[in-house]
Amino acid sequence: MITVPEDLRVRLKQYGQEHVLTWWDDLSGDERTDLVEQLRALDLPLLQRLYDRRTERFNPPALERIAPPPMVRLDPKDEHTRSRGENALANGEIAVLMVAGGQGSRLGSDEPKGMFPIGPVSNKSLFQIHAEKVLALSRRYGKSIPLLIMTSPATHSPTTSYFSEHSNFGLPEVEVFFFRQGTMPALDLATGRLILEAPGRLFLSPNGHGGTLTALAETGLLDRLRQRGITQVFYLQVDNPLVKIADPLFLGYHLAAKAEVSSKVVIKNSPFDKLGNLVLIDGRCSMIEYSDLPEELARQKDDSGRLRIRAGSPAIHIFGARFLARVTQGKAILPFHVACKKVPFLDEGGTLIKPDKENALKFELFIFDVLPLAERWTVVETDREDEFVPLKNATGPDSPALVRQALSNQAGAWLECAGVAVPRGEHGDVAVPLEISPLFALDPSELADKLRHQTIKIDEPLYLKNE
């Protein structure tokens, strides 16, 4: 008979959490073992501190401490900088890290968001588009590029199965690494007590995109990468199919600057664009969430009439591997952010209740909290139509229809660069679905080379791919 370890019982009582043992006698042996493991993993003093801080609100620094970051726009004709990035790829110094812990619930899907079909003609999933970009880069530079995919407890199994069923979309199995982000328990908003979702199971939720870095270190993946000579990790989020993965020009600039972190930004469309704001705080590269940016600062204009704080983050970064090792060693240095959420809970009678208002506190780590820790950093401006079209909602902004149109528009622009006439509608969007497989061309220059001796007339959907 499995009993509650006495030291664990004492700790739970010390922090007022002994209620989690209410249904102990009704649990099977395996359920008891699982519950003890969950409880052993908890940092109860940390949870108590986080609960005590529940009423704290983010207070932005004094306005005079906040400034726009210096931004550069890279010259696509700068072959010296590009070649530096290409050499790093050819030398096997680059890994790609894709954050894919989210489900497609806002898209009307219960599957991982990365499995959502988004190719305008092919209906390829987000996962396939990104994986084929990595494969195309590997082929171009003659060196395997590790693809690291961060999942969550909810998406891990379906994600690994999906990649297995599709033979990793051509990537070598030994170069695709899956790892789960960590989890945090939720606390009852009124009492601070741990929430149970079943008699022997705590309610646990992913610990945020900042947990990507801690999980990378805790799983040993970061050490393995460094041992094989990886010096830089390119970071992207799965929901953005336009991102230029491991862009050689961006890599080259990052390496030339000897930066620990480099970030791409897009110019905000309005003062209250729902993007994180890249800023300087006391001279350090930092991020202020759109909901926390003071209205006075959000509306400020510079001498040219542009928004002063205009650098919006599309979550495209390069992290130095040594930097990641430094910020993930020893005591956790990323702060937890607290949010009030609706969380189903087991009431005292053992009934699962679905609340109609916020009843719980969730805790997350944000990846942008590592930015101020960098001693050297760069900020590179890019265009939305080239690199940023997030898939988030079933309809309206950031919806599948708009994302597919953006992918078609990019394909149309590349085709026009290659001298192909592309039909467009009255608002400038291409008039028919167009798509270019990453395995056919990764950029306009490669496409132009492929089409040099071909004549293409577009009067119906077109999908360019390798036969």
Protein backbone atom coordinates (compact mmCIF):
# COMPACT_ATOMS: atom_id res chain seq x y z
CA MET A 1 0.00 0.00 0.00
CA ILE A 2 1.43 3.35 -1.06
CA THR A 3 1.22 5.97 1.68
CA VAL A 4 1.88 9.70 1.67
CA PRO A 5 5.55 10.31 2.54
CA GLU A 6 5.64 12.02 5.92
CA ASP A 7 7.98 14.81 4.83
CA LEU A 8 5.65 15.63 1.95
CA ARG A 9 2.63 15.69 4.23
CA VAL A 10 4.46 18.09 6.56
CA ARG A 11 5.43 20.41 3.68
CA LEU A 12 1.89 20.48 2.31
CA LYS A 13 0.51 21.35 5.74
CA GLN A 14 3.17 24.04 6.22
CA TYR A 15 1.98 25.81 3.07
CA GLY A 16 -1.74 25.16 3.54
CA GLN A 17 -1.97 22.72 0.62
CA GLU A 18 -2.96 19.49 2.36
CA HIS A 19 -6.34 19.58 0.60
CA VAL A 20 -4.68 17.94 -2.44
CA LEU A 21 -4.74 14.67 -0.46
CA THR A 22 -8.53 14.75 0.12
CA TRP A 23 -9.20 11.85 -2.27
CA TRP A 24 -6.04 9.87 -1.49
CA ASP A 25 -7.92 6.81 -0.27
CA ASP A 26 -9.88 6.62 -3.54
CA LEU A 27 -6.80 6.59 -5.77
CA SER A 28 -5.19 3.56 -7.37
CA GLY A 29 -1.55 2.74 -6.74
CA ASP A 30 -0.45 4.33 -10.02
CA GLU A 31 -2.54 7.43 -9.36
CA ARG A 32 -0.97 7.79 -5.91
CA THR A 33 2.50 7.46 -7.37
CA ASP A 34 1.75 10.07 -10.03
CA LEU A 35 0.32 12.50 -7.48
CA VAL A 36 3.34 12.16 -5.20
CA GLU A 37 5.64 12.84 -8.18
CA GLN A 38 3.63 15.95 -9.11
CA LEU A 39 3.73 17.22 -5.54
CA ARG A 40 7.44 16.48 -5.09
CA ALA A 41 8.19 18.60 -8.17
CA LEU A 42 6.49 21.69 -6.75
CA ASP A 43 8.42 24.66 -5.43
CA LEU A 44 5.93 25.54 -2.69
CA PRO A 45 7.88 28.53 -1.33
CA LEU A 46 7.98 30.01 -4.86
CA LEU A 47 4.24 29.46 -5.30
CA GLN A 48 3.60 31.17 -2.00
CA ARG A 49 5.72 34.16 -3.04
CA LEU A 50 3.94 34.38 -6.38
CA TYR A 51 0.56 34.30 -4.68
CA ASP A 52 1.61 37.01 -2.24
CA ARG A 53 2.48 39.19 -5.24
CA ARG A 54 -0.84 38.58 -7.00
CA THR A 55 -2.02 42.18 -6.68
CA GLU A 56 1.18 43.67 -8.05
CA ARG A 57 0.83 45.29 -11.43
CA PHE A 58 3.47 46.08 -13.99
CA ASN A 59 4.65 49.63 -13.53
CA PRO A 60 6.57 50.85 -16.56
CA PRO A 61 9.75 52.78 -15.87
CA ALA A 62 9.65 56.56 -15.87
CA LEU A 63 9.18 57.78 -19.43
CA GLU A 64 12.59 59.43 -19.52
CA ARG A 65 14.22 56.01 -18.96
CA ILE A 66 12.57 54.56 -22.08
CA ALA A 67 13.96 55.19 -25.56
CA PRO A 68 13.59 53.66 -29.02
CA PRO A 69 16.28 51.12 -29.87
CA PRO A 70 18.78 51.78 -32.65
CA MET A 71 17.55 49.83 -35.68
CA VAL A 72 19.30 48.92 -38.90
CA ARG A 73 17.89 47.86 -42.25
CA LEU A 74 20.23 45.40 -43.92
CA ASP A 75 21.30 45.85 -47.52
CA PRO A 76 20.39 42.73 -49.54
CA LYS A 77 23.34 43.51 -51.80
CA ASP A 78 25.81 43.30 -48.89
CA GLU A 79 27.49 40.08 -49.99
CA HIS A 80 30.26 40.36 -47.39
CA THR A 81 27.77 40.21 -44.50
CA ARG A 82 25.70 37.53 -46.21
CA SER A 83 28.75 35.34 -46.82
CA ARG A 84 29.60 35.48 -43.13
CA GLY A 85 26.19 33.98 -42.34
CA GLU A 86 26.49 31.47 -45.17
CA ASN A 87 29.85 30.31 -43.84
CA ALA A 88 28.31 29.71 -40.42
CA LEU A 89 25.60 27.57 -42.04
CA ALA A 90 28.15 25.68 -44.14
CA ASN A 91 30.27 25.06 -41.03
CA GLY A 92 27.35 23.60 -39.11
CA GLU A 93 27.23 26.34 -36.48
CA ILE A 94 23.47 27.03 -36.62
CA ALA A 95 20.49 25.30 -35.02
CA VAL A 96 16.84 26.24 -35.50
CA LEU A 97 14.49 26.40 -32.51
CA MET A 98 10.76 26.40 -33.22
CA VAL A 99 8.28 27.10 -30.44
CA ALA A 100 5.22 24.91 -31.06
CA GLY A 101 3.48 24.39 -27.74
CA GLY A 102 0.12 25.91 -28.69
CA GLN A 103 -3.05 24.22 -29.83
CA GLY A 104 -5.25 25.52 -32.62
CA SER A 105 -8.27 26.10 -30.39
CA ARG A 106 -8.78 29.67 -31.61
CA LEU A 107 -8.69 28.27 -35.15
CA GLY A 108 -11.41 25.73 -34.34
CA SER A 109 -8.96 22.83 -34.09
CA ASP A 110 -8.00 20.56 -31.20
CA GLU A 111 -4.71 19.64 -32.88
CA PRO A 112 -1.35 21.36 -32.40
CA LYS A 113 -1.35 24.65 -34.26
CA GLY A 114 1.64 23.52 -36.31
CA MET A 115 -0.53 20.88 -37.97
CA PHE A 116 -2.93 23.49 -39.34
CA PRO A 117 -3.08 23.41 -43.19
CA ILE A 118 -2.13 26.80 -44.54
CA GLY A 119 -0.43 26.42 -47.95
CA PRO A 120 -2.49 28.51 -50.42
CA VAL A 121 -2.41 25.75 -53.06
CA SER A 122 -0.73 22.72 -51.48
CA ASN A 123 -2.56 22.94 -48.16
CA LYS A 124 0.75 22.18 -46.45
CA SER A 125 0.80 22.55 -42.68
CA LEU A 126 2.82 25.13 -40.80
CA PHE A 127 5.08 22.32 -39.63
CA GLN A 128 5.78 21.17 -43.18
CA ILE A 129 6.52 24.67 -44.47
CA HIS A 130 9.04 25.31 -41.70
CA ALA A 131 10.63 21.86 -41.92
CA GLU A 132 11.08 22.20 -45.68
CA LYS A 133 12.81 25.54 -45.23
CA VAL A 134 15.29 23.89 -42.87
CA LEU A 135 15.76 21.02 -45.33
CA ALA A 136 16.30 23.41 -48.23
CA LEU A 137 18.91 25.32 -46.23
CA SER A 138 20.67 22.07 -45.33
CA ARG A 139 20.83 21.12 -48.99
CA ARG A 140 21.99 24.55 -50.11
CA TYR A 141 24.88 24.70 -47.65
CA GLY A 142 25.72 21.00 -47.55
CA LYS A 143 25.37 20.68 -43.81
CA SER A 144 22.63 19.25 -41.61
CA ILE A 145 20.82 21.84 -39.49
CA PRO A 146 19.33 20.60 -36.22
CA LEU A 147 15.64 21.44 -35.84
CA LEU A 148 14.58 21.75 -32.22
CA ILE A 149 10.82 21.69 -31.65
CA MET A 150 9.47 22.77 -28.31
CA THR A 151 6.12 21.18 -27.51
CA SER A 152 3.80 21.29 -24.52
CA PRO A 153 2.28 18.37 -22.60
CA ALA A 154 -0.87 18.75 -24.73
CA THR A 155 0.92 18.88 -28.09
CA HIS A 156 3.94 16.62 -27.60
CA SER A 157 2.49 13.25 -28.55
CA PRO A 158 0.46 14.39 -31.59
CA THR A 159 3.41 16.48 -32.81
CA THR A 160 5.95 13.67 -32.62
CA SER A 161 3.47 11.28 -34.24
CA TYR A 162 2.77 13.77 -37.04
CA PHE A 163 6.45 14.18 -37.87
CA SER A 164 6.98 10.42 -37.73
CA GLU A 165 4.04 9.75 -40.05
CA HIS A 166 5.51 12.21 -42.57
CA SER A 167 9.10 10.95 -42.26
CA ASN A 168 10.13 14.28 -40.71
CA PHE A 169 9.33 15.95 -44.06
CA GLY A 170 12.65 14.76 -45.43
CA LEU A 171 14.83 15.83 -42.51
CA PRO A 172 17.14 13.18 -41.03
CA GLU A 173 15.55 11.69 -37.93
CA VAL A 174 18.74 12.30 -35.96
CA GLU A 175 18.48 16.04 -36.68
CA VAL A 176 14.95 16.57 -35.33
CA PHE A 177 14.70 17.02 -31.58
CA PHE A 178 11.45 17.33 -29.62
CA PHE A 179 11.36 18.60 -26.05
CA ARG A 180 8.56 19.66 -23.74
CA GLN A 181 8.36 23.04 -22.10
CA GLY A 182 7.85 23.01 -18.36
CA THR A 183 4.57 23.39 -16.52
CA MET A 184 3.30 25.38 -13.56
CA PRO A 185 0.31 24.65 -11.33
CA ALA A 186 -2.56 27.10 -11.07
CA LEU A 187 -3.60 28.59 -7.74
CA ASP A 188 -7.08 29.51 -6.60
CA LEU A 189 -7.40 33.27 -6.83
CA ALA A 190 -9.27 33.63 -3.53
CA THR A 191 -7.31 31.22 -1.36
CA GLY A 192 -3.97 30.48 -3.00
CA ARG A 193 -4.68 26.76 -2.87
CA LEU A 194 -3.51 24.39 -5.59
CA ILE A 195 -6.22 23.53 -8.09
CA LEU A 196 -7.04 19.92 -8.90
CA GLU A 197 -8.52 18.91 -12.23
CA ALA A 198 -9.12 15.34 -11.03
CA PRO A 199 -8.90 13.65 -7.59
CA GLY A 200 -5.27 12.62 -8.15
CA ARG A 201 -4.11 15.24 -10.63
CA LEU A 202 -3.08 18.88 -10.31
CA PHE A 203 -4.12 21.38 -12.95
CA LEU A 204 -0.87 22.17 -14.78
CA SER A 205 -0.37 24.57 -17.67
CA PRO A 206 2.65 25.37 -19.89
CA ASN A 207 5.05 27.81 -18.27
CA GLY A 208 5.21 30.22 -21.22
CA HIS A 209 7.57 30.74 -24.15
CA GLY A 210 10.29 31.76 -21.72
CA GLY A 211 10.20 28.16 -20.53
CA THR A 212 11.66 27.23 -23.91
CA LEU A 213 15.13 28.27 -22.81
CA THR A 214 15.01 26.63 -19.39
CA ALA A 215 13.69 23.40 -20.95
CA LEU A 216 16.44 23.53 -23.58
CA ALA A 217 19.00 23.55 -20.78
CA GLU A 218 17.24 21.09 -18.46
CA THR A 219 16.86 18.44 -21.16
CA GLY A 220 20.57 18.59 -21.93
CA LEU A 221 19.91 19.68 -25.51
CA LEU A 222 21.82 22.92 -25.12
CA ASP A 223 24.95 21.06 -23.96
CA ARG A 224 24.63 18.60 -26.85
CA LEU A 225 24.38 21.44 -29.35
CA ARG A 226 27.45 23.17 -28.01
CA GLN A 227 29.40 19.90 -28.04
CA ARG A 228 28.75 19.52 -31.77
CA GLY A 229 29.91 23.05 -32.51
CA ILE A 230 26.61 24.95 -32.61
CA THR A 231 27.31 28.58 -31.78
CA GLN A 232 23.97 30.23 -32.65
CA VAL A 233 20.31 29.29 -32.19
CA PHE A 234 17.73 30.82 -34.55
CA TYR A 235 14.36 31.21 -32.77
CA LEU A 236 10.91 31.38 -34.37
CA GLN A 237 7.29 30.72 -33.49
CA VAL A 238 5.40 28.07 -35.44
CA ASP A 239 2.46 30.32 -36.34
CA ASN A 240 4.46 32.60 -38.68
CA PRO A 241 4.94 30.86 -42.08
CA LEU A 242 6.70 33.84 -43.69
CA VAL A 243 9.75 33.88 -41.42
CA LYS A 244 13.12 33.63 -43.19
CA ILE A 245 14.57 30.79 -41.18
CA ALA A 246 18.28 31.25 -40.47
CA ASP A 247 18.42 34.20 -42.87
CA PRO A 248 22.14 34.33 -43.86
CA LEU A 249 22.18 38.14 -44.05
CA PHE A 250 20.67 38.44 -40.55
CA LEU A 251 23.07 35.79 -39.24
CA GLY A 252 26.03 37.52 -40.81
CA TYR A 253 25.15 40.86 -39.25
CA HIS A 254 24.63 39.22 -35.85
CA LEU A 255 28.01 37.50 -36.07
CA ALA A 256 29.84 40.60 -37.30
CA ALA A 257 28.49 42.55 -34.33
CA LYS A 258 29.55 39.74 -31.95
CA ALA A 259 26.05 40.03 -30.52
CA GLU A 260 24.68 37.73 -27.83
CA VAL A 261 21.13 38.37 -29.05
CA SER A 262 19.77 39.81 -32.28
CA SER A 263 16.11 40.56 -32.91
CA LYS A 264 14.12 41.42 -36.00
CA VAL A 265 11.37 44.01 -35.71
CA VAL A 266 8.54 45.31 -37.88
CA ILE A 267 7.23 48.85 -37.79
CA LYS A 268 3.98 49.12 -35.84
CA ASN A 269 0.86 49.99 -37.81
CA SER A 270 -0.57 52.11 -35.01
CA PRO A 271 0.30 53.26 -31.48
CA PHE A 272 -1.66 50.34 -30.04
CA ASP A 273 -0.62 47.60 -32.44
CA LYS A 274 -0.82 44.30 -30.54
CA LEU A 275 2.88 43.58 -30.70
CA GLY A 276 5.50 43.67 -27.99
CA ASN A 277 7.45 46.94 -28.11
CA LEU A 278 11.21 46.63 -28.38
CA VAL A 279 12.73 49.54 -26.47
CA LEU A 280 15.76 50.63 -24.52
CA ILE A 281 15.33 50.88 -20.76
CA ASP A 282 18.34 52.53 -19.16
CA GLY A 283 20.24 51.68 -22.32
CA ARG A 284 19.42 47.97 -22.18
CA CYS A 285 17.46 46.24 -24.93
CA SER A 286 14.09 45.35 -23.42
CA MET A 287 10.48 44.62 -24.25
CA ILE A 288 7.28 46.26 -23.04
CA GLU A 289 4.05 44.47 -23.84
CA TYR A 290 1.50 46.41 -25.86
CA SER A 291 -0.93 46.31 -22.94
CA ASP A 292 1.68 47.85 -20.62
CA LEU A 293 2.93 50.66 -22.84
CA PRO A 294 1.75 54.00 -21.40
CA GLU A 295 -0.62 55.77 -23.77
CA GLU A 296 1.42 58.98 -23.65
CA LEU A 297 4.51 57.09 -24.81
CA ALA A 298 2.60 55.02 -27.37
CA ARG A 299 1.35 58.18 -29.09
CA GLN A 300 4.64 60.09 -29.08
CA LYS A 301 6.04 61.10 -32.47
CA ASP A 302 9.62 61.85 -33.41
CA ASP A 303 10.85 64.84 -35.42
CA SER A 304 9.95 63.10 -38.68
CA GLY A 305 6.37 62.50 -37.56
CA ARG A 306 6.78 58.75 -37.06
CA LEU A 307 5.89 56.89 -33.90
CA ARG A 308 8.79 57.18 -31.49
CA ILE A 309 8.19 53.71 -30.07
CA ARG A 310 7.55 51.82 -33.30
CA ALA A 311 9.65 48.64 -33.16
CA GLY A 312 7.16 45.77 -32.93
CA SER A 313 8.42 42.28 -32.20
CA PRO A 314 7.50 39.36 -34.51
CA ALA A 315 9.42 37.01 -32.16
CA ILE A 316 12.33 36.35 -34.53
CA HIS A 317 15.64 36.12 -32.69
CA ILE A 318 19.16 34.75 -32.83
CA PHE A 319 20.64 33.68 -29.50
CA GLY A 320 24.30 32.92 -28.97
CA ALA A 321 24.69 29.43 -27.51
CA ARG A 322 27.09 30.72 -24.86
CA PHE A 323 24.59 33.39 -23.90
CA LEU A 324 21.85 30.77 -23.50
CA ALA A 325 24.14 28.71 -21.30
CA ARG A 326 24.84 31.75 -19.14
CA VAL A 327 21.22 32.78 -18.63
CA THR A 328 19.99 29.25 -17.88
CA GLN A 329 22.66 28.23 -15.38
CA GLY A 330 22.08 28.08 -11.65
CA LYS A 331 19.24 29.90 -9.99
CA ALA A 332 16.37 30.87 -12.30
CA ILE A 333 16.71 34.49 -13.35
CA LEU A 334 13.62 34.92 -15.49
CA PRO A 335 10.68 36.34 -13.53
CA PHE A 336 7.25 34.73 -13.58
CA HIS A 337 4.38 36.81 -14.92
CA VAL A 338 1.00 36.35 -13.23
CA ALA A 339 -2.34 36.30 -15.04
CA CYS A 340 -5.92 35.75 -13.89
CA LYS A 341 -7.63 33.02 -15.91
CA LYS A 342 -10.67 30.75 -15.95
CA VAL A 343 -9.55 27.30 -14.82
CA PRO A 344 -11.82 24.26 -14.30
CA PHE A 345 -11.50 22.99 -10.75
CA LEU A 346 -12.59 20.15 -8.49
CA ASP A 347 -14.88 21.42 -5.76
CA GLU A 348 -15.01 20.02 -2.23
CA GLY A 349 -17.55 17.43 -3.30
CA GLY A 350 -15.36 16.17 -6.12
CA THR A 351 -17.35 17.76 -8.95
CA LEU A 352 -15.48 19.42 -11.81
CA ILE A 353 -16.66 23.03 -12.07
CA LYS A 354 -16.18 25.19 -15.16
CA PRO A 355 -16.16 28.79 -13.91
CA ASP A 356 -17.81 31.65 -15.76
CA LYS A 357 -15.29 34.23 -14.53
CA GLU A 358 -11.60 34.35 -13.66
CA ASN A 359 -10.97 32.16 -10.63
CA ALA A 360 -7.29 31.23 -10.83
CA LEU A 361 -3.75 32.49 -11.19
CA LYS A 362 -1.47 31.13 -13.92
CA PHE A 363 2.26 31.74 -14.07
CA GLU A 364 4.40 32.13 -17.19
CA LEU A 365 7.95 32.96 -18.18
CA PHE A 366 8.43 35.33 -21.13
CA ILE A 367 11.37 34.88 -23.46
CA PHE A 368 11.87 38.61 -23.94
CA ASP A 369 12.94 38.90 -20.31
CA VAL A 370 16.35 37.59 -21.38
CA LEU A 371 16.94 40.58 -23.67
CA PRO A 372 18.21 42.98 -20.98
CA LEU A 373 20.73 40.32 -19.91
CA ALA A 374 22.60 40.61 -23.20
CA GLU A 375 25.74 42.73 -23.14
CA ARG A 376 25.81 43.03 -26.95
CA TRP A 377 22.71 43.00 -29.14
CA THR A 378 21.38 44.18 -32.48
CA VAL A 379 17.94 45.14 -33.77
CA VAL A 380 17.18 44.63 -37.47
CA GLU A 381 14.15 46.09 -39.22
CA THR A 382 12.23 43.95 -41.68
CA ASP A 383 8.91 44.24 -43.55
CA ARG A 384 5.70 42.48 -42.59
CA GLU A 385 4.97 41.38 -46.12
CA ASP A 386 8.37 39.68 -46.20
CA GLU A 387 8.51 38.03 -42.81
CA PHE A 388 5.50 38.37 -40.54
CA VAL A 389 2.00 37.01 -40.90
CA PRO A 390 0.95 35.20 -37.71
CA LEU A 391 -1.88 32.65 -37.75
CA LYS A 392 -4.02 33.13 -34.65
CA ASN A 393 -7.76 33.54 -35.28
CA ALA A 394 -10.42 31.65 -37.21
CA THR A 395 -11.72 34.86 -38.80
CA GLY A 396 -10.72 38.50 -39.08
CA PRO A 397 -7.15 39.62 -38.31
CA ASP A 398 -4.47 36.92 -38.40
CA SER A 399 -6.92 34.42 -39.88
CA PRO A 400 -6.21 31.60 -42.37
CA ALA A 401 -7.69 33.59 -45.25
CA LEU A 402 -5.36 36.53 -44.63
CA VAL A 403 -2.33 34.32 -44.04
CA ARG A 404 -2.90 32.41 -47.29
CA GLN A 405 -3.28 35.71 -49.13
CA ALA A 406 -0.02 36.96 -47.64
CA LEU A 407 1.76 33.78 -48.75
CA SER A 408 0.30 34.20 -52.26
CA ASN A 409 1.34 37.85 -52.31
CA GLN A 410 4.90 36.94 -51.40
CA ALA A 411 4.99 34.29 -54.13
CA GLY A 412 3.59 36.87 -56.56
CA ALA A 413 6.30 39.39 -55.66
CA TRP A 414 9.01 36.78 -56.19
CA LEU A 415 7.53 35.79 -59.54
CA GLU A 416 7.42 39.42 -60.66
CA CYS A 417 11.11 39.74 -59.73
CA ALA A 418 11.68 36.80 -62.08
CA GLY A 419 9.88 38.66 -64.88
CA VAL A 420 6.55 36.82 -64.66
CA ALA A 421 3.33 38.80 -65.09
CA VAL A 422 1.12 38.29 -62.03
CA PRO A 423 -2.60 39.16 -62.06
CA ARG A 424 -3.62 41.41 -59.18
CA GLY A 425 -6.89 42.69 -57.79
CA GLU A 426 -7.89 46.30 -57.26
CA HIS A 427 -6.27 46.44 -53.80
CA GLY A 428 -2.97 45.01 -55.01
CA ASP A 429 -3.39 41.44 -53.77
CA VAL A 430 -2.57 38.68 -56.24
CA ALA A 431 -5.77 37.50 -57.88
CA VAL A 432 -5.19 33.74 -57.76
CA PRO A 433 -3.60 31.47 -55.12
CA LEU A 434 0.14 31.16 -55.64
CA GLU A 435 2.68 29.11 -53.73
CA ILE A 436 6.38 28.33 -53.99
CA SER A 437 7.74 25.32 -52.16
CA PRO A 438 10.85 26.11 -50.09
CA LEU A 439 12.39 23.08 -51.79
CA PHE A 440 11.92 24.82 -55.15
CA ALA A 441 13.23 28.23 -54.12
CA LEU A 442 14.11 29.86 -50.81
CA ASP A 443 14.32 33.41 -52.12
CA PRO A 444 13.60 35.56 -55.22
CA SER A 445 17.13 35.10 -56.58
CA GLU A 446 16.91 31.32 -56.53
CA LEU A 447 13.46 31.47 -58.12
CA ALA A 448 14.73 33.71 -60.93
CA ASP A 449 17.52 31.22 -61.63
CA LYS A 450 15.04 28.32 -61.74
CA LEU A 451 12.72 30.15 -64.15
CA ARG A 452 15.35 31.67 -66.41
CA HIS A 453 14.53 29.42 -69.36
CA GLN A 454 10.83 28.94 -68.64
CA THR A 455 7.74 30.84 -69.74
CA ILE A 456 4.97 30.98 -67.18
CA LYS A 457 1.50 32.36 -67.68
CA ILE A 458 -0.65 32.70 -64.59
CA ASP A 459 -4.38 32.36 -65.14
CA GLU A 460 -5.12 29.78 -62.45
CA PRO A 461 -3.70 28.68 -59.07
CA LEU A 462 0.02 27.91 -59.37
CA TYR A 463 2.20 25.79 -57.13
CA LEU A 464 5.89 25.63 -57.96
CA LYS A 465 7.58 22.57 -56.52
CA ASN A 466 10.28 20.06 -57.34
CA GLU A 467 8.88 17.19 -59.33
